[in-house]
Amino acid sequence: MKIRTGGCLCGAVAYHLEGEPLRVGLCHCADCRKSSGSAFVFFAVWPRRAFSHNGEIAMFAGRSFCPTCGSRLFCLREDEAEIRLGSLDHPPTDLAPDYEVWIKRREPWLHPLPGAGQFAEDAD
């Protein structure tokens, strides 16, 4: 079984993932752009039971981050854990987005990813 680890910039929060993600995506929504300081967010979703973490986290609007360094890490729901892939300890070179959401807000200089589903807003 594939094991992935990640955490925040200062090392106060660490997490552990087991297995492969359910889905991998890019989000271009205004909230993701604001909270990441970037044009989009690269994320993946695992079953909640495949995720564990240690260290103190803070939350804002369902988004978990390190209260010391501010690194955005994950969003936890009862059944799923959405992970910001930039917070993995090793680059996720084996993961590619299956879909893009909120493409109506995608920068015009970014082109659709070939083979990835395209959704104007949230994918249902």
C-alpha atoms as a PDB file:
ATOM      1  CA  MET A   1       0.000   0.000   0.000  1.00  0.00           C
ATOM      2  CA  LYS A   2       1.290   3.450  -0.937  1.00  0.00           C
ATOM      3  CA  ILE A   3       2.091   5.706   2.035  1.00  0.00           C
ATOM      4  CA  ARG A   4       2.470   9.451   1.679  1.00  0.00           C
ATOM      5  CA  THR A   5       3.458  11.960   4.325  1.00  0.00           C
ATOM      6  CA  GLY A   6       3.286  15.706   4.499  1.00  0.00           C
ATOM      7  CA  GLY A   7       3.146  18.654   6.802  1.00  0.00           C
ATOM      8  CA  CYS A   8       3.596  22.333   7.324  1.00  0.00           C
ATOM      9  CA  LEU A   9       6.597  24.548   6.614  1.00  0.00           C
ATOM     10  CA  CYS A  10       7.751  24.777  10.249  1.00  0.00           C
ATOM     11  CA  GLY A  11       7.264  21.072  11.009  1.00  0.00           C
ATOM     12  CA  ALA A  12       4.707  21.533  13.823  1.00  0.00           C
ATOM     13  CA  VAL A  13       1.975  19.629  11.915  1.00  0.00           C
ATOM     14  CA  ALA A  14       2.499  16.343  10.097  1.00  0.00           C
ATOM     15  CA  TYR A  15       0.085  14.009   8.335  1.00  0.00           C
ATOM     16  CA  HIS A  16       0.022  10.478   6.951  1.00  0.00           C
ATOM     17  CA  LEU A  17      -1.996   9.100   4.007  1.00  0.00           C
ATOM     18  CA  GLU A  18      -2.547   5.466   3.070  1.00  0.00           C
ATOM     19  CA  GLY A  19      -3.437   4.243  -0.406  1.00  0.00           C
ATOM     20  CA  GLU A  20      -4.325   6.154  -3.523  1.00  0.00           C
ATOM     21  CA  PRO A  21      -6.579   9.205  -3.688  1.00  0.00           C
ATOM     22  CA  LEU A  22     -10.191   8.973  -4.785  1.00  0.00           C
ATOM     23  CA  ARG A  23      -9.711  11.922  -7.130  1.00  0.00           C
ATOM     24  CA  VAL A  24      -7.180  14.620  -7.987  1.00  0.00           C
ATOM     25  CA  GLY A  25      -8.039  18.106  -9.156  1.00  0.00           C
ATOM     26  CA  LEU A  26      -7.300  21.759  -9.680  1.00  0.00           C
ATOM     27  CA  CYS A  27      -9.549  24.455  -8.260  1.00  0.00           C
ATOM     28  CA  HIS A  28      -9.701  27.961  -9.689  1.00  0.00           C
ATOM     29  CA  CYS A  29     -12.363  29.353  -7.295  1.00  0.00           C
ATOM     30  CA  ALA A  30     -11.943  32.737  -5.603  1.00  0.00           C
ATOM     31  CA  ASP A  31     -11.640  31.186  -2.115  1.00  0.00           C
ATOM     32  CA  CYS A  32      -8.838  28.813  -3.165  1.00  0.00           C
ATOM     33  CA  ARG A  33      -7.043  31.598  -4.975  1.00  0.00           C
ATOM     34  CA  LYS A  34      -7.248  33.918  -1.965  1.00  0.00           C
ATOM     35  CA  SER A  35      -6.286  31.302   0.616  1.00  0.00           C
ATOM     36  CA  SER A  36      -3.360  29.962  -1.437  1.00  0.00           C
ATOM     37  CA  GLY A  37      -2.088  33.238  -2.863  1.00  0.00           C
ATOM     38  CA  SER A  38      -1.886  31.499  -6.255  1.00  0.00           C
ATOM     39  CA  ALA A  39      -3.928  31.194  -9.447  1.00  0.00           C
ATOM     40  CA  PHE A  40      -5.251  27.728  -8.481  1.00  0.00           C
ATOM     41  CA  VAL A  41      -4.966  24.937  -5.914  1.00  0.00           C
ATOM     42  CA  PHE A  42      -3.679  21.418  -6.704  1.00  0.00           C
ATOM     43  CA  PHE A  43      -5.458  18.967  -4.386  1.00  0.00           C
ATOM     44  CA  ALA A  44      -6.440  15.337  -3.936  1.00  0.00           C
ATOM     45  CA  VAL A  45      -9.141  13.628  -1.905  1.00  0.00           C
ATOM     46  CA  TRP A  46      -8.632  10.480   0.178  1.00  0.00           C
ATOM     47  CA  PRO A  47     -11.137   8.536   2.256  1.00  0.00           C
ATOM     48  CA  ARG A  48     -11.089  10.042   5.770  1.00  0.00           C
ATOM     49  CA  ARG A  49     -10.062   6.680   7.258  1.00  0.00           C
ATOM     50  CA  ALA A  50      -6.839   6.798   5.154  1.00  0.00           C
ATOM     51  CA  PHE A  51      -5.739  10.067   6.803  1.00  0.00           C
ATOM     52  CA  SER A  52      -4.194  10.847  10.193  1.00  0.00           C
ATOM     53  CA  HIS A  53      -2.326  13.858  11.545  1.00  0.00           C
ATOM     54  CA  ASN A  54      -0.519  15.123  14.606  1.00  0.00           C
ATOM     55  CA  GLY A  55       0.200  18.612  15.831  1.00  0.00           C
ATOM     56  CA  GLU A  56      -2.091  21.515  16.584  1.00  0.00           C
ATOM     57  CA  ILE A  57      -4.132  22.863  13.686  1.00  0.00           C
ATOM     58  CA  ALA A  58      -6.230  25.971  13.345  1.00  0.00           C
ATOM     59  CA  MET A  59      -9.288  26.221  11.100  1.00  0.00           C
ATOM     60  CA  PHE A  60     -11.028  28.866   9.077  1.00  0.00           C
ATOM     61  CA  ALA A  61     -14.139  28.066   7.030  1.00  0.00           C
ATOM     62  CA  GLY A  62     -13.324  24.339   7.089  1.00  0.00           C
ATOM     63  CA  ARG A  63      -9.733  24.847   5.968  1.00  0.00           C
ATOM     64  CA  SER A  64      -7.012  23.531   8.292  1.00  0.00           C
ATOM     65  CA  PHE A  65      -3.670  25.240   8.626  1.00  0.00           C
ATOM     66  CA  CYS A  66      -0.699  25.434  10.956  1.00  0.00           C
ATOM     67  CA  PRO A  67      -1.251  28.214  13.529  1.00  0.00           C
ATOM     68  CA  THR A  68       2.508  28.835  13.747  1.00  0.00           C
ATOM     69  CA  CYS A  69       3.625  29.151  10.117  1.00  0.00           C
ATOM     70  CA  GLY A  70       0.227  29.474   8.388  1.00  0.00           C
ATOM     71  CA  SER A  71       0.745  26.604   5.925  1.00  0.00           C
ATOM     72  CA  ARG A  72      -2.541  25.502   4.359  1.00  0.00           C
ATOM     73  CA  LEU A  73      -2.724  21.726   4.635  1.00  0.00           C
ATOM     74  CA  PHE A  74      -6.114  20.031   4.365  1.00  0.00           C
ATOM     75  CA  CYS A  75      -9.891  20.223   4.619  1.00  0.00           C
ATOM     76  CA  LEU A  76     -11.466  17.468   6.682  1.00  0.00           C
ATOM     77  CA  ARG A  77     -14.993  16.196   6.274  1.00  0.00           C
ATOM     78  CA  GLU A  78     -16.614  13.241   7.983  1.00  0.00           C
ATOM     79  CA  ASP A  79     -15.955  10.918   5.040  1.00  0.00           C
ATOM     80  CA  GLU A  80     -13.099  12.585   3.132  1.00  0.00           C
ATOM     81  CA  ALA A  81      -9.788  14.388   3.585  1.00  0.00           C
ATOM     82  CA  GLU A  82      -8.901  16.940   0.905  1.00  0.00           C
ATOM     83  CA  ILE A  83      -5.141  17.479   0.883  1.00  0.00           C
ATOM     84  CA  ARG A  84      -3.228  20.422  -0.589  1.00  0.00           C
ATOM     85  CA  LEU A  85      -0.663  18.464  -2.590  1.00  0.00           C
ATOM     86  CA  GLY A  86       2.028  21.115  -2.248  1.00  0.00           C
ATOM     87  CA  SER A  87       2.220  20.168   1.435  1.00  0.00           C
ATOM     88  CA  LEU A  88       3.405  16.602   0.712  1.00  0.00           C
ATOM     89  CA  ASP A  89       6.959  15.761   1.802  1.00  0.00           C
ATOM     90  CA  HIS A  90       7.798  14.481  -1.696  1.00  0.00           C
ATOM     91  CA  PRO A  91       6.492  15.953  -4.967  1.00  0.00           C
ATOM     92  CA  PRO A  92       3.437  14.003  -6.172  1.00  0.00           C
ATOM     93  CA  THR A  93       4.888  13.250  -9.608  1.00  0.00           C
ATOM     94  CA  ASP A  94       2.631  10.204  -9.943  1.00  0.00           C
ATOM     95  CA  LEU A  95      -0.590  12.229  -9.481  1.00  0.00           C
ATOM     96  CA  ALA A  96      -2.234  14.243 -12.234  1.00  0.00           C
ATOM     97  CA  PRO A  97      -5.544  16.109 -12.092  1.00  0.00           C
ATOM     98  CA  ASP A  98      -8.611  14.161 -13.191  1.00  0.00           C
ATOM     99  CA  TYR A  99     -10.680  17.334 -13.284  1.00  0.00           C
ATOM    100  CA  GLU A 100     -10.700  21.109 -12.936  1.00  0.00           C
ATOM    101  CA  VAL A 101     -13.375  23.036 -11.052  1.00  0.00           C
ATOM    102  CA  TRP A 102     -14.422  26.669 -11.223  1.00  0.00           C
ATOM    103  CA  ILE A 103     -12.941  27.006 -14.690  1.00  0.00           C
ATOM    104  CA  LYS A 104     -15.080  30.088 -15.244  1.00  0.00           C
ATOM    105  CA  ARG A 105     -12.500  31.800 -12.990  1.00  0.00           C
ATOM    106  CA  ARG A 106      -9.436  30.161 -14.597  1.00  0.00           C
ATOM    107  CA  GLU A 107      -6.853  32.653 -15.808  1.00  0.00           C
ATOM    108  CA  PRO A 108      -7.100  33.105 -19.598  1.00  0.00           C
ATOM    109  CA  TRP A 109      -3.403  32.217 -20.000  1.00  0.00           C
ATOM    110  CA  LEU A 110      -3.981  28.807 -18.383  1.00  0.00           C
ATOM    111  CA  HIS A 111      -5.209  26.180 -20.826  1.00  0.00           C
ATOM    112  CA  PRO A 112      -7.518  23.273 -19.959  1.00  0.00           C
ATOM    113  CA  LEU A 113      -5.649  20.136 -18.976  1.00  0.00           C
ATOM    114  CA  PRO A 114      -5.984  17.525 -21.719  1.00  0.00           C
ATOM    115  CA  GLY A 115      -8.147  14.623 -20.585  1.00  0.00           C
ATOM    116  CA  ALA A 116      -9.291  16.328 -17.361  1.00  0.00           C
ATOM    117  CA  GLY A 117     -12.999  16.952 -16.757  1.00  0.00           C
ATOM    118  CA  GLN A 118     -13.924  20.611 -16.918  1.00  0.00           C
ATOM    119  CA  PHE A 119     -16.550  22.108 -14.585  1.00  0.00           C
ATOM    120  CA  ALA A 120     -17.710  25.735 -14.591  1.00  0.00           C
ATOM    121  CA  GLU A 121     -18.270  25.540 -10.824  1.00  0.00           C
ATOM    122  CA  ASP A 122     -18.156  22.649  -8.341  1.00  0.00           C
ATOM    123  CA  ALA A 123     -18.207  19.118  -9.715  1.00  0.00           C
ATOM    124  CA  ASP A 124     -21.241  17.197  -8.482  1.00  0.00           C
END
